[in-house]
Amino acid sequence: MDDAFYRERAQHIRQLAKEADPFIKKRLLRLASNYDAMTTPYARGLAPSNLTDGPADNLAETGRGHGE
């Protein structure tokens, strides 16, 4: 499954929750958050930590080049 599927599924479940009684609504919203958690952080709009922190090339940090 891909991130688009999980996002669409979470959105559909939230739509169902709008019409549900309070007990079911709580469970549906929890299910939707589980689908959100299945998407990659980058797909949710967050930058991966390796793009924002640390050196641009991890090989430079080890002193190793390609093929070593």
C-alpha atoms as a PDB file:
ATOM      1  CA  MET A   1       0.000   0.000   0.000  1.00  0.00           C
ATOM      2  CA  ASP A   2       1.196   3.529  -0.629  1.00  0.00           C
ATOM      3  CA  ASP A   3       0.917   6.760   1.316  1.00  0.00           C
ATOM      4  CA  ALA A   4      -1.909   8.093  -0.836  1.00  0.00           C
ATOM      5  CA  PHE A   5      -4.051   5.069   0.034  1.00  0.00           C
ATOM      6  CA  TYR A   6      -3.456   5.544   3.778  1.00  0.00           C
ATOM      7  CA  ARG A   7      -4.221   9.283   3.605  1.00  0.00           C
ATOM      8  CA  GLU A   8      -7.433   8.683   1.640  1.00  0.00           C
ATOM      9  CA  ARG A   9      -8.498   5.921   4.023  1.00  0.00           C
ATOM     10  CA  ALA A  10      -7.898   8.137   7.072  1.00  0.00           C
ATOM     11  CA  GLN A  11      -9.912  10.939   5.446  1.00  0.00           C
ATOM     12  CA  HIS A  12     -12.805   8.577   4.663  1.00  0.00           C
ATOM     13  CA  ILE A  13     -12.842   7.253   8.223  1.00  0.00           C
ATOM     14  CA  ARG A  14     -12.917  10.816   9.593  1.00  0.00           C
ATOM     15  CA  GLN A  15     -15.929  11.540   7.382  1.00  0.00           C
ATOM     16  CA  LEU A  16     -17.688   8.511   8.868  1.00  0.00           C
ATOM     17  CA  ALA A  17     -16.779   9.680  12.370  1.00  0.00           C
ATOM     18  CA  LYS A  18     -18.595  12.981  11.827  1.00  0.00           C
ATOM     19  CA  GLU A  19     -21.909  11.101  11.661  1.00  0.00           C
ATOM     20  CA  ALA A  20     -21.214   8.506  14.358  1.00  0.00           C
ATOM     21  CA  ASP A  21     -22.275   8.438  18.006  1.00  0.00           C
ATOM     22  CA  PRO A  22     -19.602   9.564  20.532  1.00  0.00           C
ATOM     23  CA  PHE A  23     -18.349   6.048  21.381  1.00  0.00           C
ATOM     24  CA  ILE A  24     -17.952   5.004  17.755  1.00  0.00           C
ATOM     25  CA  LYS A  25     -16.568   8.415  16.810  1.00  0.00           C
ATOM     26  CA  LYS A  26     -13.740   8.034  19.314  1.00  0.00           C
ATOM     27  CA  ARG A  27     -12.838   4.608  17.928  1.00  0.00           C
ATOM     28  CA  LEU A  28     -13.017   5.784  14.310  1.00  0.00           C
ATOM     29  CA  LEU A  29     -10.769   8.756  15.017  1.00  0.00           C
ATOM     30  CA  ARG A  30      -8.257   6.445  16.673  1.00  0.00           C
ATOM     31  CA  LEU A  31      -8.377   4.203  13.599  1.00  0.00           C
ATOM     32  CA  ALA A  32      -7.825   7.213  11.330  1.00  0.00           C
ATOM     33  CA  SER A  33      -4.787   8.232  13.370  1.00  0.00           C
ATOM     34  CA  ASN A  34      -3.424   4.698  12.943  1.00  0.00           C
ATOM     35  CA  TYR A  35      -3.685   5.116   9.172  1.00  0.00           C
ATOM     36  CA  ASP A  36      -1.925   8.482   9.464  1.00  0.00           C
ATOM     37  CA  ALA A  37       0.889   6.803  11.381  1.00  0.00           C
ATOM     38  CA  MET A  38       1.356   4.306   8.523  1.00  0.00           C
ATOM     39  CA  THR A  39       2.347   7.049   6.094  1.00  0.00           C
ATOM     40  CA  THR A  40       5.967   8.042   5.844  1.00  0.00           C
ATOM     41  CA  PRO A  41       6.878  11.253   7.656  1.00  0.00           C
ATOM     42  CA  TYR A  42       8.034  12.812   4.384  1.00  0.00           C
ATOM     43  CA  ALA A  43       4.631  12.168   2.780  1.00  0.00           C
ATOM     44  CA  ARG A  44       2.926  13.906   5.726  1.00  0.00           C
ATOM     45  CA  GLY A  45       4.936  17.050   5.013  1.00  0.00           C
ATOM     46  CA  LEU A  46       7.744  16.557   7.515  1.00  0.00           C
ATOM     47  CA  ALA A  47      11.287  16.535   6.215  1.00  0.00           C
ATOM     48  CA  PRO A  48      13.328  13.455   7.039  1.00  0.00           C
ATOM     49  CA  SER A  49      15.919  14.158   9.701  1.00  0.00           C
ATOM     50  CA  ASN A  50      18.776  13.218   7.385  1.00  0.00           C
ATOM     51  CA  LEU A  51      17.835  16.123   5.098  1.00  0.00           C
ATOM     52  CA  THR A  52      17.861  18.722   7.856  1.00  0.00           C
ATOM     53  CA  ASP A  53      20.566  17.493  10.253  1.00  0.00           C
ATOM     54  CA  GLY A  54      24.129  16.381   9.874  1.00  0.00           C
ATOM     55  CA  PRO A  55      26.514  16.426   6.943  1.00  0.00           C
ATOM     56  CA  ALA A  56      25.244  16.305   3.392  1.00  0.00           C
ATOM     57  CA  ASP A  57      27.249  13.160   2.701  1.00  0.00           C
ATOM     58  CA  ASN A  58      27.540  10.586   5.470  1.00  0.00           C
ATOM     59  CA  LEU A  59      30.547   9.030   3.710  1.00  0.00           C
ATOM     60  CA  ALA A  60      32.488  12.245   4.261  1.00  0.00           C
ATOM     61  CA  GLU A  61      31.986  11.792   7.986  1.00  0.00           C
ATOM     62  CA  THR A  62      33.592   8.320   7.976  1.00  0.00           C
ATOM     63  CA  GLY A  63      36.437   9.296   5.669  1.00  0.00           C
ATOM     64  CA  ARG A  64      35.524   6.475   3.307  1.00  0.00           C
ATOM     65  CA  GLY A  65      35.015   6.944  -0.380  1.00  0.00           C
ATOM     66  CA  HIS A  66      33.014   4.946  -2.873  1.00  0.00           C
ATOM     67  CA  GLY A  67      34.096   1.327  -3.189  1.00  0.00           C
ATOM     68  CA  GLU A  68      36.000   1.187   0.102  1.00  0.00           C
END
